[in-house]
Amino acid sequence: MRDGDLLLVRWGARPRTARAAVVRLPGDRPVSVKRLAHPVPEGWWVERDNPNAGVDSWTVGAVPDDDVLAVVLVRLPRWLTRPSRDPRPPRRASG
């Protein structure tokens, strides 16, 4: 995932291993998108997709079940959702 991508999520969906999810991390951290690695007795072990940036369970521990807010269903890349740079109006069909 990259900055600017759009995500279609399902709030309250049942979490599953290896899915991306919207989670509430402990402390004053913002709501984040993390990968659900596996369930643990305390909730879910979450990991980041980018090993060079971010916070995950290696830093803050497991995320309680109630703090897994939504499951990501689809990712639309930013380049797919940007408007065309062509300023001309679309052509009308002739005839």
Protein backbone atom coordinates (compact mmCIF):
# COMPACT_ATOMS: atom_id res chain seq x y z
CA MET A 1 0.00 0.00 0.00
CA ARG A 2 1.12 3.50 -0.76
CA ASP A 3 0.07 6.99 0.30
CA GLY A 4 -2.98 8.06 -1.67
CA ASP A 5 -4.35 4.56 -2.32
CA LEU A 6 -8.06 4.15 -1.65
CA LEU A 7 -9.24 1.23 0.47
CA LEU A 8 -12.64 -0.40 0.49
CA VAL A 9 -13.11 -1.78 4.00
CA ARG A 10 -15.82 -3.67 5.82
CA TRP A 11 -16.36 -2.38 9.33
CA GLY A 12 -16.97 -5.08 11.93
CA ALA A 13 -15.94 -7.91 9.56
CA ARG A 14 -14.44 -11.06 11.04
CA PRO A 15 -10.63 -10.78 11.00
CA ARG A 16 -8.64 -13.46 9.19
CA THR A 17 -4.94 -14.24 9.15
CA ALA A 18 -2.91 -12.50 6.40
CA ARG A 19 -5.60 -9.89 5.65
CA ALA A 20 -4.96 -6.18 5.97
CA ALA A 21 -7.10 -4.50 8.61
CA VAL A 22 -7.85 -1.11 10.12
CA VAL A 23 -6.67 -1.28 13.73
CA ARG A 24 -6.50 0.99 16.76
CA LEU A 25 -2.98 0.82 18.20
CA PRO A 26 -2.34 1.54 21.89
CA GLY A 27 -1.39 4.99 23.09
CA ASP A 28 -1.92 8.21 21.18
CA ARG A 29 -1.25 6.62 17.79
CA PRO A 30 -3.65 7.17 14.87
CA VAL A 31 -5.85 4.42 13.49
CA SER A 32 -3.65 2.40 11.12
CA VAL A 33 -3.76 -0.27 8.43
CA LYS A 34 -1.77 -3.35 9.44
CA ARG A 35 -1.42 -6.96 8.32
CA LEU A 36 -3.08 -9.52 10.63
CA ALA A 37 -0.28 -12.02 11.23
CA HIS A 38 -2.06 -14.45 13.57
CA PRO A 39 -4.40 -14.58 16.55
CA VAL A 40 -2.89 -14.74 20.03
CA PRO A 41 -4.60 -15.06 23.43
CA GLU A 42 -4.53 -11.26 23.85
CA GLY A 43 -6.08 -10.54 20.42
CA TRP A 44 -4.19 -10.20 17.11
CA TRP A 45 -0.51 -10.00 16.31
CA VAL A 46 -0.24 -7.30 13.63
CA GLU A 47 2.70 -6.46 11.41
CA ARG A 48 3.57 -3.67 9.02
CA ASP A 49 4.09 -4.30 5.31
CA ASN A 50 7.02 -1.87 5.21
CA PRO A 51 9.75 -3.16 7.55
CA ASN A 52 11.53 0.23 7.44
CA ALA A 53 8.67 2.37 8.75
CA GLY A 54 5.75 2.26 11.13
CA VAL A 55 4.71 0.53 14.33
CA ASP A 56 3.43 -3.01 14.78
CA SER A 57 3.06 -5.70 17.45
CA TRP A 58 6.83 -6.03 17.72
CA THR A 59 6.71 -2.56 19.30
CA VAL A 60 3.32 -2.37 21.06
CA GLY A 61 2.28 -6.00 21.58
CA ALA A 62 -0.93 -7.67 20.47
CA VAL A 63 -3.98 -5.64 19.41
CA PRO A 64 -7.14 -6.59 21.34
CA ASP A 65 -9.98 -8.07 19.26
CA ASP A 66 -12.16 -4.99 19.86
CA ASP A 67 -9.43 -2.78 18.35
CA VAL A 68 -9.54 -4.57 14.99
CA LEU A 69 -12.09 -2.19 13.47
CA ALA A 70 -12.39 -3.23 9.81
CA VAL A 71 -10.97 -5.62 7.23
CA VAL A 72 -9.61 -4.33 3.92
CA LEU A 73 -11.51 -5.84 0.98
CA VAL A 74 -9.96 -3.98 -1.98
CA ARG A 75 -7.08 -1.57 -2.58
CA LEU A 76 -7.34 0.91 -5.46
CA PRO A 77 -3.92 2.29 -6.33
CA ARG A 78 -3.56 6.06 -6.41
CA TRP A 79 -2.68 6.10 -10.11
CA LEU A 80 -5.98 4.39 -10.92
CA THR A 81 -8.07 6.91 -9.00
CA ARG A 82 -6.37 10.13 -10.17
CA PRO A 83 -8.29 12.19 -12.72
CA SER A 84 -6.88 12.35 -16.23
CA ARG A 85 -4.44 15.18 -16.88
CA ASP A 86 -5.96 15.83 -20.32
CA PRO A 87 -7.89 19.14 -19.93
CA ARG A 88 -9.93 18.59 -23.10
CA PRO A 89 -13.54 17.51 -22.68
CA PRO A 90 -14.35 13.97 -23.85
CA ARG A 91 -15.22 13.60 -27.56
CA ARG A 92 -18.80 13.05 -28.52
CA ALA A 93 -19.63 10.27 -30.91
CA SER A 94 -20.56 11.60 -34.34
CA GLY A 95 -23.41 10.40 -36.42
